Protein backbone atom coordinates (compact mmCIF):
# COMPACT_ATOMS: atom_id res chain seq x y z
CA UNK A 1 -53.04 11.16 27.66
CA UNK A 2 -55.07 9.18 25.14
CA UNK A 3 -58.23 10.97 26.26
CA UNK A 4 -56.63 14.42 25.94
CA UNK A 5 -55.85 13.56 22.33
CA UNK A 6 -59.39 12.24 21.79
CA UNK A 7 -60.88 15.50 23.10
CA UNK A 8 -58.66 17.54 20.81
CA UNK A 9 -59.61 15.52 17.76
CA UNK A 10 -63.34 15.82 18.50
CA UNK A 11 -62.96 19.59 18.41
CA UNK A 12 -61.91 19.03 14.80
CA UNK A 13 -64.94 16.86 14.13
CA UNK A 14 -67.30 19.53 15.35
CA UNK A 15 -65.67 22.46 13.58
CA UNK A 16 -64.47 20.82 10.37
CA UNK A 17 -67.20 18.29 9.59
CA UNK A 18 -68.26 18.79 6.03
CA UNK A 19 -64.73 19.75 4.99
CA UNK A 20 -63.15 17.49 2.38
CA UNK A 21 -59.60 17.11 1.17
CA UNK A 22 -58.95 16.76 -2.55
CA UNK A 23 -58.98 13.10 -3.48
CA UNK A 24 -56.15 11.43 -5.33
CA UNK A 25 -57.55 9.78 -8.43
CA UNK A 26 -55.77 6.51 -7.66
CA UNK A 27 -57.25 6.21 -4.16
CA UNK A 28 -60.84 7.34 -4.59
CA UNK A 29 -61.94 4.53 -6.89
CA UNK A 30 -61.02 1.63 -4.58
CA UNK A 31 -62.51 3.46 -1.58
CA UNK A 32 -65.79 4.10 -3.43
CA UNK A 33 -65.95 0.51 -4.68
CA UNK A 34 -65.39 -0.95 -1.21
CA UNK A 35 -68.12 1.23 0.29
CA UNK A 36 -70.53 0.37 -2.56
CA UNK A 37 -69.95 -3.35 -1.96
CA UNK A 38 -70.73 -2.86 1.74
CA UNK A 39 -73.93 -0.98 0.90
CA UNK A 40 -75.08 -3.81 -1.36
CA UNK A 41 -74.52 -6.33 1.44
CA UNK A 42 -76.56 -4.18 3.83
CA UNK A 43 -79.48 -3.89 1.42
CA UNK A 44 -79.39 -7.63 0.83
CA UNK A 45 -79.59 -8.11 4.61
CA UNK A 46 -82.74 -5.99 4.81
CA UNK A 47 -81.40 -2.51 5.65
CA UNK A 48 -82.55 0.57 3.76
CA UNK A 49 -81.14 4.08 3.49
CA UNK A 50 -82.64 6.83 5.65
CA UNK A 51 -80.26 9.67 4.76
CA UNK A 52 -76.64 10.73 4.20
CA UNK A 53 -74.11 9.72 6.83
CA UNK A 54 -72.47 13.13 6.55
CA UNK A 55 -75.63 14.66 8.06
CA UNK A 56 -75.75 12.30 11.00
CA UNK A 57 -76.94 14.45 13.92
CA UNK A 58 -76.12 12.02 16.70
CA UNK A 59 -74.21 13.25 19.73
CA UNK A 60 -70.43 13.17 19.24
CA UNK A 61 -68.52 11.79 22.21
CA UNK A 62 -65.40 13.53 23.50
CA UNK A 63 -63.97 10.08 24.33
CA UNK A 64 -63.78 8.36 20.96
CA UNK A 65 -62.05 10.80 18.63
CA UNK A 66 -65.14 11.13 16.44
CA UNK A 67 -65.37 7.39 15.70
CA UNK A 68 -68.86 7.25 17.22
CA UNK A 69 -70.03 9.47 14.35
CA UNK A 70 -67.92 8.09 11.46
CA UNK A 71 -69.76 10.05 8.80
CA UNK A 72 -68.55 13.31 10.30
CA UNK A 73 -64.90 12.55 11.00
CA UNK A 74 -62.75 15.64 10.46
CA UNK A 75 -60.36 15.74 7.47
CA UNK A 76 -57.14 13.82 8.14
CA UNK A 77 -53.61 15.02 7.54
CA UNK A 78 -52.55 13.76 4.13
CA UNK A 79 -56.07 12.62 3.25
CA UNK A 80 -56.32 11.43 -0.35
CA UNK A 81 -59.80 9.88 -0.50
CA UNK A 82 -62.97 9.56 1.55
CA UNK A 83 -66.27 7.75 1.18
CA UNK A 84 -69.17 7.92 3.63
CA UNK A 85 -72.13 5.58 3.56
CA UNK A 86 -75.70 6.60 4.09
CA UNK A 87 -77.28 5.86 7.44
CA UNK A 88 -78.97 2.47 7.02
CA UNK A 89 -81.96 1.31 9.07
CA UNK A 90 -83.19 -2.20 9.72
CA UNK A 91 -86.65 -2.90 11.09
CA UNK A 92 -88.32 -6.32 10.96
CA UNK A 93 -91.44 -5.25 9.04
CA UNK A 94 -93.47 -2.22 8.00
CA UNK A 95 -95.62 -2.32 11.14
CA UNK A 96 -92.67 -2.76 13.49
CA UNK A 97 -92.35 -0.86 16.74
CA UNK A 98 -90.43 2.32 15.78
CA UNK A 99 -88.38 1.88 18.95
CA UNK A 100 -86.98 -1.44 17.72
CA UNK A 101 -84.34 -1.65 15.01
CA UNK A 102 -80.73 -1.12 13.98
CA UNK A 103 -78.79 1.77 12.46
CA UNK A 104 -75.53 1.39 10.52
CA UNK A 105 -72.97 3.91 9.21
CA UNK A 106 -69.51 3.39 7.68
CA UNK A 107 -66.68 5.64 6.53
CA UNK A 108 -63.49 4.81 4.65
CA UNK A 109 -60.63 7.31 4.59
CA UNK A 110 -57.31 7.00 2.76
CA UNK A 111 -54.16 8.99 3.51
CA UNK A 112 -50.81 9.38 1.79
CA UNK A 113 -47.84 7.24 2.77
CA UNK A 114 -46.29 9.98 4.89
CA UNK A 115 -49.30 9.92 7.25
CA UNK A 116 -50.21 6.24 7.31
CA UNK A 117 -48.88 5.72 10.84
CA UNK A 118 -51.39 8.26 12.17
CA UNK A 119 -54.19 5.76 11.49
CA UNK A 120 -52.93 3.48 14.23
CA UNK A 121 -53.96 6.04 16.85
CA UNK A 122 -57.64 5.40 16.13
CA UNK A 123 -57.12 1.65 16.57
CA UNK A 124 -55.40 2.19 19.92
CA UNK A 125 -58.06 4.65 21.06
CA UNK A 126 -61.06 2.43 20.40
CA UNK A 127 -59.39 -0.60 21.97
CA UNK A 128 -58.48 1.21 25.18
CA UNK A 129 -60.20 0.35 28.48
CA UNK A 130 -59.71 4.02 29.36
CA UNK A 131 -61.90 4.99 26.40
CA UNK A 132 -64.60 2.55 27.48
CA UNK A 133 -64.60 3.97 31.02
CA UNK A 134 -64.67 7.50 29.64
CA UNK A 135 -67.65 6.78 27.39
CA UNK A 136 -69.60 5.11 30.23
CA UNK A 137 -68.92 8.03 32.58
CA UNK A 138 -69.81 10.52 29.87
CA UNK A 139 -73.17 8.87 29.30
CA UNK A 140 -74.02 8.69 32.99
CA UNK A 141 -72.99 12.34 33.43
CA UNK A 142 -75.57 13.54 30.91
CA UNK A 143 -77.91 15.89 32.83
CA UNK A 144 -80.98 14.00 31.61
CA UNK A 145 -79.56 10.75 32.96
CA UNK A 146 -78.25 12.24 36.20
CA UNK A 147 -81.63 13.78 37.02
CA UNK A 148 -83.65 10.61 36.31
CA UNK A 149 -85.51 9.07 39.30
CA UNK A 150 -83.64 6.19 40.89
CA UNK A 151 -86.15 3.65 39.59
CA UNK A 152 -85.47 4.84 36.03
CA UNK A 153 -81.69 5.06 36.33
CA UNK A 154 -80.00 3.04 33.54
CA UNK A 155 -77.32 0.42 33.91
CA UNK A 156 -74.45 0.96 31.50
CA UNK A 157 -71.62 -1.37 30.54
CA UNK A 158 -68.83 -0.41 28.15
CA UNK A 159 -66.15 -2.84 26.97
CA UNK A 160 -63.17 -2.26 24.68
CA UNK A 161 -61.65 -5.07 22.61
CA UNK A 162 -58.13 -4.21 21.39
CA UNK A 163 -57.50 -6.78 18.65
CA UNK A 164 -60.07 -8.25 16.26
CA UNK A 165 -57.55 -9.83 13.90
CA UNK A 166 -58.75 -7.72 10.96
CA UNK A 167 -56.52 -5.72 8.63
CA UNK A 168 -53.23 -4.31 9.91
CA UNK A 169 -54.84 -3.44 13.25
CA UNK A 170 -58.39 -3.31 14.54
CA UNK A 171 -60.46 -2.76 17.67
CA UNK A 172 -63.99 -2.19 18.88
CA UNK A 173 -65.89 -0.63 21.75
CA UNK A 174 -69.34 -1.87 22.79
CA UNK A 175 -71.74 -0.04 25.08
CA UNK A 176 -74.91 -1.66 26.44
CA UNK A 177 -77.60 0.39 28.17
CA UNK A 178 -80.66 -0.93 29.98
CA UNK A 179 -83.28 1.37 31.48
CA UNK A 180 -86.74 0.82 32.90
CA UNK A 181 -89.90 2.77 32.08
CA UNK A 182 -93.34 1.89 33.44
CA UNK A 183 -91.94 -1.38 34.67
CA UNK A 184 -90.66 -2.38 31.22
CA UNK A 185 -86.96 -2.78 30.43
CA UNK A 186 -85.60 -1.08 27.31
CA UNK A 187 -82.26 -1.99 25.76
CA UNK A 188 -79.90 0.05 23.61
CA UNK A 189 -76.53 -1.12 22.32
CA UNK A 190 -73.82 0.75 20.43
CA UNK A 191 -70.87 -0.91 18.73
CA UNK A 192 -68.02 1.11 17.25
CA UNK A 193 -65.43 -0.76 15.14
CA UNK A 194 -62.32 0.39 13.34
CA UNK A 195 -59.58 -1.21 11.27
CA UNK A 196 -56.71 0.02 9.18
CA UNK A 197 -54.95 -1.30 6.12
CA UNK A 198 -51.67 0.13 4.90
CA UNK A 199 -53.16 3.54 4.08
CA UNK A 200 -56.91 3.29 4.75
CA UNK A 201 -59.02 3.55 7.87
CA UNK A 202 -62.44 1.87 7.98
CA UNK A 203 -64.77 2.96 10.78
CA UNK A 204 -68.29 1.71 11.36
CA UNK A 205 -71.00 2.16 13.94
CA UNK A 206 -74.01 -0.05 14.49
CA UNK A 207 -76.69 0.71 17.07
CA UNK A 208 -79.54 -1.54 18.11
CA UNK A 209 -82.69 -0.56 19.97
CA UNK A 210 -85.14 -2.82 21.78
CA UNK A 211 -85.19 -6.59 21.98
CA UNK A 212 -85.36 -7.36 18.26
CA UNK A 213 -85.74 -9.26 16.06
CA UNK A 214 -82.60 -7.87 14.47
CA UNK A 215 -80.87 -8.35 11.12
CA UNK A 216 -78.22 -10.76 12.35
CA UNK A 217 -75.49 -8.70 10.70
CA UNK A 218 -71.98 -9.52 11.93
CA UNK A 219 -70.19 -6.19 12.27
CA UNK A 220 -66.73 -7.77 12.39
CA UNK A 221 -67.44 -9.84 9.28
CA UNK A 222 -68.60 -6.67 7.49
CA UNK A 223 -65.42 -4.88 8.53
CA UNK A 224 -63.31 -7.79 7.25
CA UNK A 225 -65.23 -7.95 3.95
CA UNK A 226 -64.63 -4.23 3.42
CA UNK A 227 -60.90 -4.66 4.01
CA UNK A 228 -60.90 -7.52 1.50
CA UNK A 229 -62.58 -5.23 -1.04
CA UNK A 230 -59.92 -2.58 -0.48
CA UNK A 231 -57.19 -5.16 -0.99
CA UNK A 232 -58.73 -6.52 -4.21
CA UNK A 233 -57.42 -4.79 -7.36
């Protein structure tokens, strides 16, 4: 059942992305401030902006309710405020291998009190083992992956974690992919995290490519810091 709901919500992501509910003046300021504080932390860590998160063109999974592309989440029922970060890139230095690095995107969405319970669904979805299995199967079912020679076939692991101890509820899903080309192993990892406060949902995605070096950013700590910002008057 949870995957039927995820599929339905993704249809909204695809058709309604770019839509925006009118923001309530009292909600938009704290949401904007929390996202700005996160962006400052990213820049201080060595990330830089490569474009708006609302124009993220990455594939949108049918398994994760749009959380794998947080910048393009469809408008929520009772939405009162929304802020979407840019896509941030980390690479070790200017001459770095373009196939090595990290990408980060975050969205914060607030809803009115009548719809606050709907936010819990996203926490349950991302922390579900069923969602992890769905995402792994979805990746391996991609025609480009299915048709790859056996010596190039990737190994894929996907793990859901249902409780991170952040906010009023939180979860994450991690997917690790390893494939071989010309005898060399290549690694890709995706982490999707979500938490909710009383009326806000914070969703982030971080992807890493290659063997590093990486920024060392702690995605859970960033999620917790953003919640703290939202809770600070």
